[in-house]
Amino acid sequence: MRLATTEHLLQGQGLRAALARGVRPAVGFTIPDDVVKDPHLPLTQKREILSSWASDASAVQDEPTLRWLLGTPEPVPFTDVRDALLRLERRTGEVS
């Protein structure tokens, strides 16, 4: 299983280029809910990480329902990432 655009970007242009495109590595997180629950991350960084995880840049080649964010050990279903983003927004009162 391989990352789609992120893997290509890293091999060809490096981490700096990935960061410039908005791909935010998530070293230390295994699942999206870990990001939501992290007491040390500010809300803006949680949003950045989860948004990067949900983006097409983290898509797994030939597996459009999976996302594999840089720094995570394995892919997760896109729905897990989406649900974590929704939980985060509900906690902040931005989604009714």
Protein backbone atom coordinates (compact mmCIF):
# COMPACT_ATOMS: atom_id res chain seq x y z
CA MET A 1 0.00 0.00 0.00
CA ARG A 2 1.40 3.40 -0.94
CA LEU A 3 0.53 7.01 -0.44
CA ALA A 4 -0.72 8.61 -3.58
CA THR A 5 0.36 12.22 -3.96
CA THR A 6 2.24 12.60 -0.68
CA GLU A 7 4.67 9.77 -1.37
CA HIS A 8 5.42 11.11 -4.83
CA LEU A 9 5.89 14.61 -3.48
CA LEU A 10 8.30 13.49 -0.76
CA GLN A 11 10.42 11.36 -3.05
CA GLY A 12 10.66 14.01 -5.71
CA GLN A 13 10.79 17.23 -3.75
CA GLY A 14 11.22 16.46 -0.05
CA LEU A 15 9.44 17.26 3.18
CA ARG A 16 9.69 21.02 2.69
CA ALA A 17 7.61 20.77 -0.50
CA ALA A 18 5.02 18.60 1.26
CA LEU A 19 4.73 21.15 4.04
CA ALA A 20 4.41 23.95 1.49
CA ARG A 21 1.44 22.15 -0.07
CA GLY A 22 -0.26 21.97 3.30
CA VAL A 23 0.57 18.37 4.21
CA ARG A 24 1.01 18.45 7.99
CA PRO A 25 2.87 15.41 9.41
CA ALA A 26 1.34 13.79 12.49
CA VAL A 27 4.23 12.07 14.21
CA GLY A 28 3.09 10.31 17.36
CA PHE A 29 -0.56 9.85 16.39
CA THR A 30 -2.01 6.48 15.46
CA ILE A 31 -5.64 7.36 14.83
CA PRO A 32 -7.45 10.65 14.17
CA ASP A 33 -9.09 10.59 17.60
CA ASP A 34 -5.61 10.85 19.17
CA VAL A 35 -5.34 14.30 17.63
CA VAL A 36 -8.72 15.40 18.99
CA LYS A 37 -7.84 14.19 22.49
CA ASP A 38 -4.30 15.64 22.67
CA PRO A 39 -4.31 18.15 25.56
CA HIS A 40 -1.12 19.89 24.38
CA LEU A 41 -2.13 20.84 20.85
CA PRO A 42 -3.94 24.11 20.22
CA LEU A 43 -7.20 23.90 18.32
CA THR A 44 -5.68 25.39 15.16
CA GLN A 45 -2.98 22.71 15.02
CA LYS A 46 -5.54 19.95 15.57
CA ARG A 47 -7.53 21.31 12.62
CA GLU A 48 -4.39 21.50 10.45
CA ILE A 49 -3.41 17.91 11.19
CA LEU A 50 -6.90 16.48 10.67
CA SER A 51 -7.42 18.53 7.51
CA SER A 52 -4.12 17.26 6.09
CA TRP A 53 -5.12 13.73 7.02
CA ALA A 54 -8.45 14.13 5.21
CA SER A 55 -6.97 15.72 2.10
CA ASP A 56 -6.34 13.99 -1.19
CA ALA A 57 -2.63 14.52 -0.56
CA SER A 58 -2.90 11.77 2.09
CA ALA A 59 -4.91 9.39 -0.08
CA VAL A 60 -3.65 5.86 -0.53
CA GLN A 61 -3.04 4.94 -4.15
CA ASP A 62 -5.86 2.79 -5.54
CA GLU A 63 -7.68 2.96 -2.17
CA PRO A 64 -9.71 6.20 -2.21
CA THR A 65 -11.45 5.41 1.09
CA LEU A 66 -8.14 5.33 3.01
CA ARG A 67 -5.87 8.14 4.19
CA TRP A 68 -2.27 7.72 5.34
CA LEU A 69 -0.81 10.84 6.87
CA LEU A 70 2.94 11.37 7.08
CA GLY A 71 4.20 10.19 10.45
CA THR A 72 1.39 7.72 11.13
CA PRO A 73 2.06 3.98 11.20
CA GLU A 74 -0.74 2.86 8.87
CA PRO A 75 -3.70 4.09 6.83
CA VAL A 76 -7.09 4.80 8.38
CA PRO A 77 -10.53 5.05 6.79
CA PHE A 78 -11.42 8.53 5.54
CA THR A 79 -14.62 8.34 7.58
CA ASP A 80 -12.56 8.10 10.80
CA VAL A 81 -10.78 11.33 9.90
CA ARG A 82 -14.01 13.07 8.94
CA ASP A 83 -15.69 11.97 12.17
CA ALA A 84 -12.75 13.23 14.24
CA LEU A 85 -12.99 16.64 12.53
CA LEU A 86 -16.71 16.76 13.29
CA ARG A 87 -16.10 15.89 16.97
CA LEU A 88 -13.46 18.59 17.20
CA GLU A 89 -15.81 21.21 15.75
CA ARG A 90 -18.64 20.14 18.04
CA ARG A 91 -16.35 20.56 21.06
CA THR A 92 -15.66 24.11 20.02
CA GLY A 93 -19.33 24.85 19.40
CA GLU A 94 -18.91 25.63 15.72
CA VAL A 95 -21.17 22.85 14.44
CA SER A 96 -24.75 22.63 15.66
